[in-house]
N, C-alpha and C. Protein backbone atom coordinates (compact mmCIF):
# COMPACT_ATOMS: atom_id res chain seq x y z
N MET A 1 -13.12 -24.86 -15.37
CA MET A 1 -13.80 -24.03 -16.67
C MET A 1 -15.18 -23.25 -15.77
N ILE A 2 -14.86 -21.92 -16.97
CA ILE A 2 -15.60 -20.88 -16.09
C ILE A 2 -17.25 -21.00 -17.29
N PHE A 3 -18.46 -21.18 -16.60
CA PHE A 3 -19.41 -20.68 -17.31
C PHE A 3 -20.58 -20.26 -16.84
N PHE A 4 -21.28 -19.14 -17.65
CA PHE A 4 -22.22 -18.55 -16.44
C PHE A 4 -23.91 -18.97 -16.89
N ILE A 5 -24.88 -18.42 -15.99
CA ILE A 5 -26.40 -18.99 -16.34
C ILE A 5 -27.26 -17.83 -16.53
N TYR A 6 -27.68 -17.97 -17.82
CA TYR A 6 -28.29 -17.11 -18.15
C TYR A 6 -30.15 -17.06 -18.61
N ASP A 7 -30.87 -16.13 -17.59
CA ASP A 7 -32.29 -16.49 -18.01
C ASP A 7 -32.80 -15.05 -18.87
N SER A 8 -33.21 -15.83 -20.32
CA SER A 8 -33.83 -14.67 -21.02
C SER A 8 -34.95 -13.44 -20.83
N LYS A 9 -35.73 -14.10 -19.58
CA LYS A 9 -36.56 -13.35 -19.20
C LYS A 9 -36.58 -12.24 -17.74
N TYR A 10 -35.46 -12.97 -16.85
CA TYR A 10 -35.17 -12.21 -16.26
C TYR A 10 -33.31 -13.03 -15.02
N MET A 11 -32.95 -12.13 -14.69
CA MET A 11 -31.61 -12.79 -14.48
C MET A 11 -31.57 -12.20 -12.98
N ASN A 12 -31.19 -12.82 -12.07
CA ASN A 12 -31.39 -12.25 -10.24
C ASN A 12 -29.36 -12.17 -10.14
N GLY A 13 -29.24 -11.37 -9.77
CA GLY A 13 -27.95 -10.81 -9.42
C GLY A 13 -27.19 -9.67 -10.11
N ASN A 14 -26.08 -9.56 -10.18
CA ASN A 14 -25.75 -8.63 -10.83
C ASN A 14 -25.27 -9.09 -12.20
N ILE A 15 -25.26 -8.21 -13.37
CA ILE A 15 -25.20 -7.97 -14.68
C ILE A 15 -24.11 -7.48 -15.38
N ILE A 16 -23.66 -6.62 -14.59
CA ILE A 16 -22.03 -6.24 -14.96
C ILE A 16 -20.98 -7.50 -14.19
N LYS A 17 -20.85 -7.70 -13.12
CA LYS A 17 -20.23 -8.69 -12.51
C LYS A 17 -20.54 -9.95 -13.26
N ASN A 18 -21.53 -10.42 -13.76
CA ASN A 18 -21.49 -11.34 -14.74
C ASN A 18 -20.61 -11.28 -15.77
N LEU A 19 -20.91 -10.21 -16.64
CA LEU A 19 -20.34 -9.75 -17.92
C LEU A 19 -18.90 -9.50 -17.48
N MET A 20 -18.28 -9.01 -16.25
CA MET A 20 -17.00 -8.53 -16.21
C MET A 20 -16.20 -10.14 -15.91
N ASP A 21 -17.18 -11.34 -15.63
CA ASP A 21 -16.74 -12.34 -15.03
C ASP A 21 -16.70 -13.52 -16.51
N PHE A 22 -17.03 -12.64 -17.39
CA PHE A 22 -17.29 -13.26 -18.62
C PHE A 22 -15.77 -12.48 -19.65
N ILE A 23 -15.74 -11.94 -19.39
CA ILE A 23 -14.86 -11.11 -20.02
C ILE A 23 -13.34 -11.76 -19.70
N ASP A 24 -13.43 -11.63 -18.02
CA ASP A 24 -11.95 -12.65 -17.88
C ASP A 24 -12.08 -13.78 -18.37
N ALA A 25 -12.76 -14.42 -18.38
CA ALA A 25 -12.71 -16.17 -18.72
C ALA A 25 -12.48 -15.90 -20.63
N ALA A 26 -12.70 -14.83 -20.89
CA ALA A 26 -12.77 -15.14 -22.47
C ALA A 26 -11.34 -14.55 -22.71
N GLU A 27 -10.51 -13.91 -22.21
CA GLU A 27 -9.12 -13.54 -21.81
C GLU A 27 -8.38 -14.53 -21.15
N LYS A 28 -8.86 -15.38 -20.04
CA LYS A 28 -7.63 -16.37 -20.38
C LYS A 28 -7.79 -17.63 -21.13
N SER A 29 -9.19 -17.34 -21.56
CA SER A 29 -9.43 -18.43 -22.17
C SER A 29 -8.55 -18.23 -24.08
N ARG A 30 -8.19 -17.10 -23.94
CA ARG A 30 -7.65 -16.38 -25.21
C ARG A 30 -8.72 -16.18 -26.52
N LYS A 31 -9.71 -16.39 -26.08
CA LYS A 31 -11.14 -16.05 -27.19
C LYS A 31 -10.96 -14.21 -26.95
N TYR A 32 -10.53 -13.34 -26.26
CA TYR A 32 -10.49 -12.01 -26.50
C TYR A 32 -8.84 -11.86 -25.93
N PRO A 33 -8.42 -11.15 -26.92
CA PRO A 33 -6.79 -10.78 -26.74
C PRO A 33 -7.16 -9.25 -25.54
N ASN A 34 -5.96 -9.53 -24.98
CA ASN A 34 -5.51 -8.23 -23.94
C ASN A 34 -5.93 -7.08 -24.18
N SER A 35 -5.69 -6.34 -24.65
CA SER A 35 -6.22 -5.15 -25.49
C SER A 35 -7.96 -5.19 -25.58
N THR A 36 -7.95 -5.84 -26.75
CA THR A 36 -10.15 -6.45 -26.23
C THR A 36 -10.19 -6.40 -24.97
N ALA A 37 -10.04 -7.39 -24.13
CA ALA A 37 -10.45 -7.24 -22.91
C ALA A 37 -10.62 -5.94 -21.98
N SER A 38 -9.40 -5.66 -21.84
CA SER A 38 -9.22 -4.40 -21.42
C SER A 38 -10.44 -3.06 -21.87
N ALA A 39 -10.59 -2.95 -23.00
CA ALA A 39 -11.48 -2.04 -23.71
C ALA A 39 -12.37 -2.50 -23.23
N ARG A 40 -13.32 -3.78 -23.20
CA ARG A 40 -14.37 -4.20 -23.21
C ARG A 40 -14.91 -3.64 -21.62
N ARG A 41 -13.90 -4.31 -20.50
CA ARG A 41 -13.90 -3.73 -19.32
C ARG A 41 -14.13 -2.58 -18.87
N SER A 42 -13.37 -1.20 -19.43
CA SER A 42 -13.23 -0.26 -19.60
C SER A 42 -15.13 0.44 -20.43
N ALA A 43 -15.43 -0.38 -21.29
CA ALA A 43 -16.53 0.20 -21.35
C ALA A 43 -18.12 -0.04 -20.61
N THR A 44 -17.36 -1.21 -20.00
CA THR A 44 -18.66 -2.34 -19.26
C THR A 44 -18.56 -1.40 -17.79
N ARG A 45 -17.43 -0.61 -17.20
CA ARG A 45 -17.53 0.13 -16.29
C ARG A 45 -18.52 1.29 -16.55
N LEU A 46 -17.95 2.16 -18.10
CA LEU A 46 -18.62 3.48 -17.95
C LEU A 46 -19.96 3.03 -17.97
N PHE A 47 -20.76 2.19 -18.60
CA PHE A 47 -22.29 1.99 -18.68
C PHE A 47 -22.80 1.30 -17.01
N GLU A 48 -21.99 0.88 -16.26
CA GLU A 48 -22.69 0.26 -15.34
C GLU A 48 -22.86 1.96 -14.28
N GLN A 49 -22.48 2.70 -14.16
CA GLN A 49 -22.54 4.07 -13.47
C GLN A 49 -23.95 4.44 -13.69
N GLU A 50 -24.51 4.07 -15.30
CA GLU A 50 -25.50 4.41 -15.56
C GLU A 50 -27.09 3.37 -14.94
N LEU A 51 -26.61 2.40 -14.85
CA LEU A 51 -27.54 1.81 -14.81
C LEU A 51 -28.41 1.61 -13.32
N ASN A 52 -29.58 1.52 -13.66
CA ASN A 52 -30.78 1.15 -11.75
C ASN A 52 -30.60 -0.41 -11.63
N ASP A 53 -31.63 -0.67 -10.93
CA ASP A 53 -31.40 -2.29 -10.01
C ASP A 53 -32.10 -2.69 -11.49
N GLN A 54 -33.24 -2.29 -11.32
CA GLN A 54 -33.84 -3.08 -12.24
C GLN A 54 -33.29 -3.81 -13.86
N GLU A 55 -32.25 -2.73 -14.26
CA GLU A 55 -30.88 -2.57 -15.28
C GLU A 55 -30.09 -3.61 -14.88
N LYS A 56 -29.44 -3.75 -13.77
CA LYS A 56 -28.42 -4.63 -13.30
C LYS A 56 -29.42 -5.90 -13.31
N ALA A 57 -30.23 -5.84 -13.10
CA ALA A 57 -30.35 -7.32 -12.78
C ALA A 57 -31.64 -8.17 -13.84
N SER A 58 -31.80 -7.56 -15.17
CA SER A 58 -32.51 -8.20 -16.16
C SER A 58 -31.66 -7.67 -17.03
N LEU A 59 -30.82 -8.49 -17.76
CA LEU A 59 -30.23 -8.09 -19.35
C LEU A 59 -31.58 -7.78 -20.28
N ASP A 60 -32.64 -8.61 -20.49
CA ASP A 60 -33.54 -7.88 -21.10
C ASP A 60 -33.64 -6.52 -21.04
N THR A 61 -34.02 -6.45 -19.79
CA THR A 61 -33.69 -4.53 -19.47
C THR A 61 -32.91 -3.77 -19.88
N LEU A 62 -32.50 -4.07 -19.67
CA LEU A 62 -31.22 -3.39 -19.97
C LEU A 62 -31.12 -3.11 -21.51
N LYS A 63 -31.15 -4.48 -22.18
CA LYS A 63 -30.57 -4.17 -24.01
C LYS A 63 -32.18 -3.21 -24.30
N GLN A 64 -33.46 -3.40 -23.87
CA GLN A 64 -34.35 -2.32 -24.02
C GLN A 64 -34.12 -1.29 -23.52
N ASN A 65 -33.54 -0.76 -23.05
CA ASN A 65 -33.32 0.67 -22.13
C ASN A 65 -32.36 1.22 -22.74
N ILE A 66 -31.14 0.65 -22.99
CA ILE A 66 -29.87 0.56 -23.84
C ILE A 66 -29.81 2.17 -24.37
N ASP A 67 -30.75 2.39 -25.00
CA ASP A 67 -30.68 3.98 -26.13
C ASP A 67 -31.37 4.88 -24.98
N HIS A 68 -31.67 5.00 -24.24
CA HIS A 68 -31.81 5.52 -22.64
C HIS A 68 -30.65 5.43 -22.33
N ILE A 69 -29.90 4.73 -21.67
CA ILE A 69 -28.61 4.62 -20.56
C ILE A 69 -27.99 5.76 -21.27
N PHE A 70 -27.65 5.40 -22.91
CA PHE A 70 -26.48 5.81 -23.62
C PHE A 70 -26.72 7.86 -23.80
N GLN A 71 -28.36 7.83 -23.93
CA GLN A 71 -28.32 9.26 -23.93
C GLN A 71 -28.05 9.90 -22.51
N ASN A 72 -28.19 9.39 -21.51
CA ASN A 72 -27.99 9.96 -20.32
C ASN A 72 -26.59 10.22 -20.10
N LEU A 73 -25.70 8.90 -20.94
CA LEU A 73 -24.24 8.82 -20.31
C LEU A 73 -23.77 9.94 -21.32
N PHE A 74 -24.09 10.25 -22.53
CA PHE A 74 -23.46 10.90 -23.12
C PHE A 74 -23.55 12.50 -23.17
N ASN A 75 -25.01 12.16 -21.91
CA ASN A 75 -25.28 14.20 -21.71
C ASN A 75 -24.11 14.73 -20.22
N LYS A 76 -24.04 13.33 -19.47
CA LYS A 76 -22.70 13.77 -18.61
C LYS A 76 -21.39 13.98 -19.04
N ASN A 77 -20.88 13.16 -20.18
CA ASN A 77 -19.35 13.54 -20.50
C ASN A 77 -19.38 14.11 -21.71
N LYS A 78 -20.33 14.68 -22.51
CA LYS A 78 -19.85 15.37 -23.70
C LYS A 78 -19.15 16.41 -23.95
N SER A 79 -18.81 16.55 -22.16
CA SER A 79 -18.15 17.65 -22.54
C SER A 79 -16.43 17.05 -22.17
N GLU A 80 -16.44 16.49 -22.07
CA GLU A 80 -15.27 15.27 -21.50
C GLU A 80 -14.82 14.77 -22.84
N MET A 81 -15.73 14.18 -23.46
CA MET A 81 -15.73 13.19 -24.71
C MET A 81 -16.34 13.45 -25.98
N THR A 82 -15.70 13.11 -27.36
CA THR A 82 -16.29 12.83 -28.27
C THR A 82 -17.74 12.21 -28.63
N ALA A 83 -18.69 12.49 -29.46
CA ALA A 83 -20.01 11.68 -29.59
C ALA A 83 -19.83 10.31 -30.08
N GLN A 84 -18.17 10.01 -31.13
CA GLN A 84 -17.56 9.49 -31.31
C GLN A 84 -17.42 8.65 -30.77
N SER A 85 -16.44 9.12 -29.62
CA SER A 85 -15.61 8.00 -28.42
C SER A 85 -16.84 7.45 -27.60
N LEU A 86 -17.95 8.29 -27.54
CA LEU A 86 -18.94 7.65 -26.65
C LEU A 86 -19.41 6.42 -27.06
N GLN A 87 -19.77 6.84 -28.95
CA GLN A 87 -20.29 5.61 -29.47
C GLN A 87 -18.98 4.25 -29.75
N THR A 88 -18.11 4.69 -29.59
CA THR A 88 -17.58 3.53 -29.61
C THR A 88 -17.26 2.75 -27.83
N TYR A 89 -17.49 3.48 -27.48
CA TYR A 89 -17.56 2.68 -25.71
C TYR A 89 -19.08 1.40 -25.77
N LYS A 90 -19.88 2.71 -26.38
CA LYS A 90 -21.09 1.77 -26.52
C LYS A 90 -20.91 0.74 -27.46
N ASN A 91 -20.35 0.51 -28.99
CA ASN A 91 -20.46 -0.88 -29.49
C ASN A 91 -19.54 -1.26 -28.35
N ARG A 92 -18.46 -1.09 -27.70
CA ARG A 92 -17.94 -2.12 -27.14
C ARG A 92 -19.28 -2.88 -26.09
N PHE A 93 -19.64 -1.98 -25.52
CA PHE A 93 -20.83 -3.16 -24.19
C PHE A 93 -21.23 -3.70 -25.30
N LEU A 94 -21.85 -3.39 -26.04
CA LEU A 94 -22.97 -3.95 -26.72
C LEU A 94 -22.37 -5.25 -27.66
N ALA A 95 -21.19 -5.50 -27.65
CA ALA A 95 -20.46 -6.20 -28.06
C ALA A 95 -20.13 -7.36 -27.04
N VAL A 96 -19.65 -6.61 -25.73
CA VAL A 96 -19.56 -8.00 -24.93
C VAL A 96 -21.08 -8.41 -24.51
N ILE A 97 -22.46 -8.01 -24.54
CA ILE A 97 -23.38 -8.92 -24.19
C ILE A 97 -23.98 -9.41 -25.16
N LYS A 98 -23.49 -9.40 -26.34
CA LYS A 98 -23.76 -10.40 -27.97
C LYS A 98 -22.64 -11.29 -27.33
N ASP A 99 -21.42 -11.41 -26.82
CA ASP A 99 -20.67 -12.02 -27.04
C ASP A 99 -21.24 -13.37 -25.50
N TYR A 100 -21.92 -12.38 -24.51
CA TYR A 100 -21.84 -13.05 -23.31
C TYR A 100 -23.37 -14.27 -23.59
N GLU A 101 -24.13 -13.52 -24.03
CA GLU A 101 -25.05 -14.30 -24.66
C GLU A 101 -25.22 -15.33 -25.20
N LYS A 102 -23.89 -15.24 -26.58
CA LYS A 102 -23.71 -16.42 -27.21
C LYS A 102 -23.09 -17.15 -26.60
N TYR A 103 -22.08 -17.04 -26.22
CA TYR A 103 -20.69 -17.93 -25.78
C TYR A 103 -20.59 -18.12 -23.92
N GLY A 104 -21.32 -17.13 -23.31
CA GLY A 104 -21.07 -17.73 -21.91
C GLY A 104 -22.31 -17.91 -21.19
N THR A 105 -23.26 -18.76 -22.03
CA THR A 105 -23.97 -19.23 -21.22
C THR A 105 -24.21 -21.35 -21.70
N ASN A 106 -23.22 -21.61 -22.10
CA ASN A 106 -23.05 -22.89 -22.20
C ASN A 106 -21.19 -22.90 -22.26
N PRO A 107 -20.86 -23.60 -21.32
CA PRO A 107 -19.54 -24.10 -21.59
C PRO A 107 -18.71 -24.91 -22.91
N THR A 108 -19.55 -25.53 -23.63
CA THR A 108 -19.01 -26.24 -24.86
C THR A 108 -19.24 -25.20 -25.69
N LYS A 109 -19.94 -24.39 -25.81
CA LYS A 109 -20.40 -23.17 -26.75
C LYS A 109 -18.90 -22.05 -26.73
N MET A 110 -18.67 -22.10 -25.17
CA MET A 110 -17.32 -21.41 -25.01
C MET A 110 -16.15 -21.86 -25.05
N ALA A 111 -15.80 -22.91 -25.34
CA ALA A 111 -14.69 -24.20 -25.35
C ALA A 111 -14.94 -23.96 -26.91
N ASN A 112 -15.60 -23.93 -28.13
CA ASN A 112 -15.66 -24.04 -29.58
C ASN A 112 -16.05 -22.39 -29.93
N TRP A 113 -15.68 -21.61 -29.33
CA TRP A 113 -15.85 -20.36 -29.64
C TRP A 113 -14.48 -20.38 -30.61
N ASN A 114 -14.19 -20.38 -31.73
CA ASN A 114 -13.26 -19.75 -32.51
C ASN A 114 -13.33 -18.12 -33.32
N ARG A 115 -13.05 -17.41 -32.53
CA ARG A 115 -12.65 -15.78 -32.72
C ARG A 115 -11.74 -15.74 -33.58
N PRO A 116 -12.04 -14.99 -34.67
CA PRO A 116 -10.87 -14.51 -35.93
C PRO A 116 -9.87 -13.62 -35.31
N ILE A 117 -8.58 -14.06 -35.51
CA ILE A 117 -7.93 -13.37 -35.09
C ILE A 117 -6.93 -12.42 -35.96
N ARG A 118 -7.23 -10.87 -35.38
CA ARG A 118 -7.27 -9.33 -36.37
C ARG A 118 -5.59 -9.70 -36.24
N LYS A 119 -5.47 -9.15 -38.04
CA LYS A 119 -3.81 -8.95 -38.29
C LYS A 119 -3.72 -7.83 -37.40
N ILE A 120 -2.19 -8.40 -37.56
CA ILE A 120 -1.33 -7.01 -36.87
C ILE A 120 -1.06 -5.96 -38.11
N SER A 121 -1.53 -4.93 -37.59
CA SER A 121 -0.81 -3.87 -38.59
C SER A 121 0.73 -3.85 -39.29
N THR A 122 1.37 -2.87 -40.20
CA THR A 122 2.56 -3.60 -40.61
C THR A 122 2.80 -2.14 -41.51
N ARG A 123 1.74 -1.00 -41.09
CA ARG A 123 2.21 -0.12 -41.18
C ARG A 123 3.22 0.60 -41.03
N THR A 124 4.32 1.08 -41.39
CA THR A 124 5.13 1.76 -41.01
C THR A 124 4.81 3.50 -40.19
N ASP A 125 5.38 3.95 -39.16
CA ASP A 125 5.36 4.89 -38.68
C ASP A 125 5.18 6.33 -40.04
N LYS A 126 6.07 6.02 -41.30
CA LYS A 126 6.11 7.17 -42.10
C LYS A 126 4.30 7.00 -42.28
N GLN A 127 3.93 6.04 -42.61
CA GLN A 127 2.83 5.81 -43.46
C GLN A 127 1.79 5.79 -42.88
N ARG A 128 1.92 5.93 -40.99
CA ARG A 128 0.81 6.41 -40.18
C ARG A 128 0.62 8.09 -40.33
N ILE A 129 1.93 8.52 -40.35
CA ILE A 129 1.73 10.42 -40.48
C ILE A 129 1.32 10.49 -41.66
N SER A 130 1.80 9.47 -43.00
CA SER A 130 1.18 10.35 -44.11
C SER A 130 -0.51 10.27 -43.99
N SER A 131 -0.94 9.17 -42.75
CA SER A 131 -2.17 9.04 -42.82
C SER A 131 -2.99 10.24 -42.08
N ILE A 132 -2.11 10.92 -41.10
CA ILE A 132 -2.33 12.10 -40.59
C ILE A 132 -2.70 13.02 -41.48
N GLU A 133 -1.58 13.36 -42.14
CA GLU A 133 -1.03 14.61 -43.29
C GLU A 133 -2.26 14.82 -43.96
N ASN A 134 -3.14 13.96 -44.74
CA ASN A 134 -3.97 13.30 -45.72
C ASN A 134 -5.61 14.00 -44.99
N LEU A 135 -5.08 14.16 -43.50
CA LEU A 135 -6.97 14.78 -43.26
C LEU A 135 -7.32 16.03 -43.56
N SER A 136 -8.00 16.84 -43.65
CA SER A 136 -8.37 17.72 -44.01
C SER A 136 -8.03 18.96 -42.85
N SER A 137 -7.56 20.35 -43.18
CA SER A 137 -7.51 21.03 -42.40
C SER A 137 -8.28 21.40 -41.00
N ASP A 138 -9.27 20.91 -41.14
CA ASP A 138 -10.20 21.08 -40.10
C ASP A 138 -10.09 20.00 -39.21
N GLU A 139 -9.55 18.54 -39.78
CA GLU A 139 -9.45 18.08 -38.84
C GLU A 139 -7.71 17.06 -38.12
N LYS A 140 -7.24 18.50 -38.63
CA LYS A 140 -5.84 17.57 -37.86
C LYS A 140 -4.96 19.19 -37.32
N TYR A 141 -4.41 18.79 -36.29
CA TYR A 141 -3.46 20.21 -35.50
C TYR A 141 -1.98 20.70 -36.11
N LYS A 142 -1.75 21.57 -35.77
CA LYS A 142 -0.79 22.42 -36.76
C LYS A 142 0.20 21.66 -35.84
N GLU A 143 1.61 21.14 -36.19
CA GLU A 143 2.55 20.97 -35.26
C GLU A 143 3.11 21.99 -34.34
N ALA A 144 3.25 23.12 -35.39
CA ALA A 144 3.78 24.29 -34.76
C ALA A 144 3.36 24.94 -33.40
N GLU A 145 1.77 24.48 -33.80
CA GLU A 145 1.13 25.36 -32.48
C GLU A 145 0.57 24.18 -31.35
N MET A 146 1.32 22.96 -31.31
CA MET A 146 1.40 22.34 -30.02
C MET A 146 2.63 22.00 -29.46
N SER A 147 2.56 21.08 -28.25
CA SER A 147 3.52 20.81 -27.91
C SER A 147 2.72 19.18 -27.29
N ARG A 148 4.29 18.19 -27.47
CA ARG A 148 4.29 16.94 -27.56
C ARG A 148 5.11 16.33 -26.62
N PHE A 149 4.01 15.55 -25.76
CA PHE A 149 5.33 14.61 -24.88
C PHE A 149 4.28 13.05 -24.62
N GLU A 150 5.47 12.30 -24.35
CA GLU A 150 5.20 11.09 -24.17
C GLU A 150 5.67 11.05 -22.60
N LEU A 151 4.39 9.52 -22.41
CA LEU A 151 4.58 9.66 -20.71
C LEU A 151 4.50 7.63 -20.99
N PRO A 152 5.79 6.95 -20.51
CA PRO A 152 5.69 5.63 -20.58
C PRO A 152 4.50 5.16 -19.56
N LEU A 153 4.08 4.24 -19.48
CA LEU A 153 3.18 3.09 -18.53
C LEU A 153 3.88 2.22 -18.39
N ARG A 154 3.97 1.56 -19.09
CA ARG A 154 4.29 0.28 -19.10
C ARG A 154 5.27 -0.31 -20.26
N PRO A 155 5.91 -1.52 -20.15
CA PRO A 155 6.53 -2.13 -21.45
C PRO A 155 5.62 -2.42 -22.75
N GLY A 156 6.13 -1.03 -23.48
CA GLY A 156 5.50 -0.91 -24.83
C GLY A 156 4.41 -0.49 -24.69
N VAL A 157 3.78 0.32 -23.82
CA VAL A 157 3.01 1.31 -23.84
C VAL A 157 2.69 2.83 -23.50
N LYS A 158 2.54 3.71 -24.21
CA LYS A 158 2.46 4.93 -23.98
C LYS A 158 1.38 5.91 -24.11
N ALA A 159 1.14 6.82 -23.19
CA ALA A 159 0.59 7.90 -23.27
C ALA A 159 1.10 8.64 -24.17
N ILE A 160 0.79 9.48 -25.58
CA ILE A 160 0.84 10.53 -26.17
C ILE A 160 0.02 11.77 -26.11
N ILE A 161 0.45 12.89 -25.49
CA ILE A 161 -0.05 14.04 -25.29
C ILE A 161 0.60 15.51 -26.49
N LEU A 162 -0.63 15.55 -26.60
CA LEU A 162 -0.59 16.98 -26.95
C LEU A 162 -1.68 18.12 -27.01
N VAL A 163 -0.83 19.48 -26.69
CA VAL A 163 -1.22 20.47 -25.86
C VAL A 163 -1.07 21.47 -26.91
N PRO A 164 -1.53 22.26 -26.56
CA PRO A 164 -1.48 24.08 -27.49
C PRO A 164 -0.18 24.61 -26.47
N ALA A 165 0.64 25.12 -27.42
CA ALA A 165 1.58 25.63 -26.66
C ALA A 165 0.79 27.09 -25.71
N ASP A 166 0.18 27.29 -26.06
CA ASP A 166 -0.59 28.69 -25.19
C ASP A 166 -1.61 27.90 -24.08
N ILE A 167 -1.64 26.67 -23.52
CA ILE A 167 -2.51 26.17 -23.03
C ILE A 167 -3.05 27.46 -21.65
N ASN A 168 -3.99 26.80 -21.34
CA ASN A 168 -4.61 28.05 -20.27
C ASN A 168 -5.10 27.21 -19.11
N LYS A 169 -5.65 27.89 -17.94
CA LYS A 169 -6.39 27.18 -17.27
C LYS A 169 -7.21 26.54 -17.32
N GLY A 170 -8.54 26.95 -18.36
CA GLY A 170 -9.56 26.44 -18.82
C GLY A 170 -9.73 24.99 -19.40
N ASP A 171 -8.10 25.21 -20.23
CA ASP A 171 -7.70 24.20 -20.51
C ASP A 171 -7.52 22.94 -19.70
N VAL A 172 -6.43 23.24 -18.77
CA VAL A 172 -6.29 22.31 -17.76
C VAL A 172 -7.23 21.39 -17.39
N GLU A 173 -8.51 22.34 -17.20
CA GLU A 173 -9.45 22.09 -16.39
C GLU A 173 -10.49 20.76 -16.95
N LYS A 174 -10.54 21.44 -18.50
CA LYS A 174 -10.72 20.24 -19.48
C LYS A 174 -10.18 18.84 -19.04
N ILE A 175 -8.63 18.80 -19.24
CA ILE A 175 -8.08 17.73 -19.31
C ILE A 175 -8.17 16.89 -17.79
N ARG A 176 -8.34 17.59 -16.54
CA ARG A 176 -8.30 17.12 -15.30
C ARG A 176 -9.65 16.52 -15.21
N LYS A 177 -10.94 16.59 -16.07
CA LYS A 177 -11.88 16.00 -16.15
C LYS A 177 -11.93 14.77 -16.93
N TYR A 178 -11.08 15.29 -18.32
CA TYR A 178 -10.96 13.47 -18.58
C TYR A 178 -10.01 13.18 -17.94
N ILE A 179 -9.25 13.03 -17.21
CA ILE A 179 -8.49 12.37 -16.43
C ILE A 179 -9.23 11.76 -15.19
N ASP A 180 -10.57 12.72 -14.87
CA ASP A 180 -11.10 11.98 -14.09
C ASP A 180 -12.22 11.12 -14.46
N PHE A 181 -12.40 11.17 -15.61
CA PHE A 181 -12.85 10.14 -16.67
C PHE A 181 -12.43 8.72 -16.55
N LEU A 182 -11.27 8.66 -16.79
CA LEU A 182 -10.40 7.89 -17.37
C LEU A 182 -10.71 6.98 -15.96
N ASN A 183 -9.95 7.47 -14.81
CA ASN A 183 -9.48 6.96 -13.69
C ASN A 183 -11.20 5.77 -12.98
N ASN A 184 -12.30 6.79 -13.35
CA ASN A 184 -13.90 6.33 -13.33
C ASN A 184 -13.64 4.52 -14.09
N ILE A 185 -13.26 4.42 -15.48
CA ILE A 185 -13.60 3.58 -15.85
C ILE A 185 -12.07 2.39 -15.99
N ALA A 186 -11.06 2.82 -15.10
CA ALA A 186 -9.44 2.34 -15.35
C ALA A 186 -9.60 0.95 -14.00
N SER A 187 -8.80 -0.06 -14.77
CA SER A 187 -9.20 -1.29 -14.31
C SER A 187 -8.23 -1.30 -12.55
N ASP A 188 -8.90 -2.02 -11.67
CA ASP A 188 -7.83 -1.86 -10.39
C ASP A 188 -6.90 -3.17 -10.29
N VAL A 189 -7.30 -3.84 -11.60
CA VAL A 189 -6.47 -5.30 -11.38
C VAL A 189 -4.94 -4.91 -12.03
N PRO A 190 -4.08 -4.74 -11.05
CA PRO A 190 -2.59 -4.70 -11.50
C PRO A 190 -2.23 -5.56 -13.16
N THR A 191 -1.16 -5.04 -14.10
CA THR A 191 -0.89 -5.56 -14.79
C THR A 191 0.28 -6.38 -14.30
N ASN A 192 0.78 -7.57 -15.62
CA ASN A 192 1.73 -8.42 -14.87
C ASN A 192 2.88 -7.45 -14.78
N HIS A 193 3.35 -6.02 -15.25
CA HIS A 193 4.67 -5.35 -15.17
C HIS A 193 4.36 -4.76 -13.88
N ASP A 194 3.16 -4.46 -13.50
CA ASP A 194 2.78 -3.81 -11.74
C ASP A 194 3.11 -4.44 -10.98
N GLU A 195 3.02 -5.31 -11.07
CA GLU A 195 3.13 -6.19 -9.93
C GLU A 195 4.21 -7.11 -10.00
N ALA A 196 5.28 -6.89 -10.81
CA ALA A 196 6.92 -7.18 -10.88
C ALA A 196 7.32 -5.97 -10.25
N GLU A 197 6.83 -5.14 -10.79
CA GLU A 197 7.44 -3.76 -10.28
C GLU A 197 7.27 -3.65 -8.53
N ASN A 198 6.23 -4.17 -7.96
CA ASN A 198 5.65 -4.16 -6.46
C ASN A 198 6.41 -5.32 -5.94
N LYS A 199 6.54 -6.47 -6.42
CA LYS A 199 7.63 -7.27 -5.69
C LYS A 199 8.61 -6.71 -5.11
């Protein structure tokens, strides 16, 4: 059984490592679905880039400075990501901290953690398309002006890419910056499928 020691006033060591270990433990014990664990790892890696030594050592200091940390993160990434996307990362990071404080400090609490199971969406592809079509004209792209690419990543997972039909080098540079951003927050841990392919 894995558990973690938390001092509400000060914690020695690397907060990020403790949070990552907690995410791993939550995933292995099925408290976090794989998708939730992956999303929260990405958010934690993103915020790690902005932490100073004091924030890495003290969870209270990190939480106290979270708005300043987020502002720096926003200023650095606003050309690659929307404010809404960055806010989503912040919410995920805060959710990890909240769960860690509540369940990661005591093995009994971790064992008794009954996380609600999210219902699987039963919407059909036609319903999803309909919901997109109901967006305002300012919020959707005209299919005729876009080129669509689907890139299989692993079983059941693919990247869907929509680019303007008249894409230019400036557009490509923006996309490249976003790919670099994804590379910074991507997990180094291979998936089961990746491991099978490498055998």
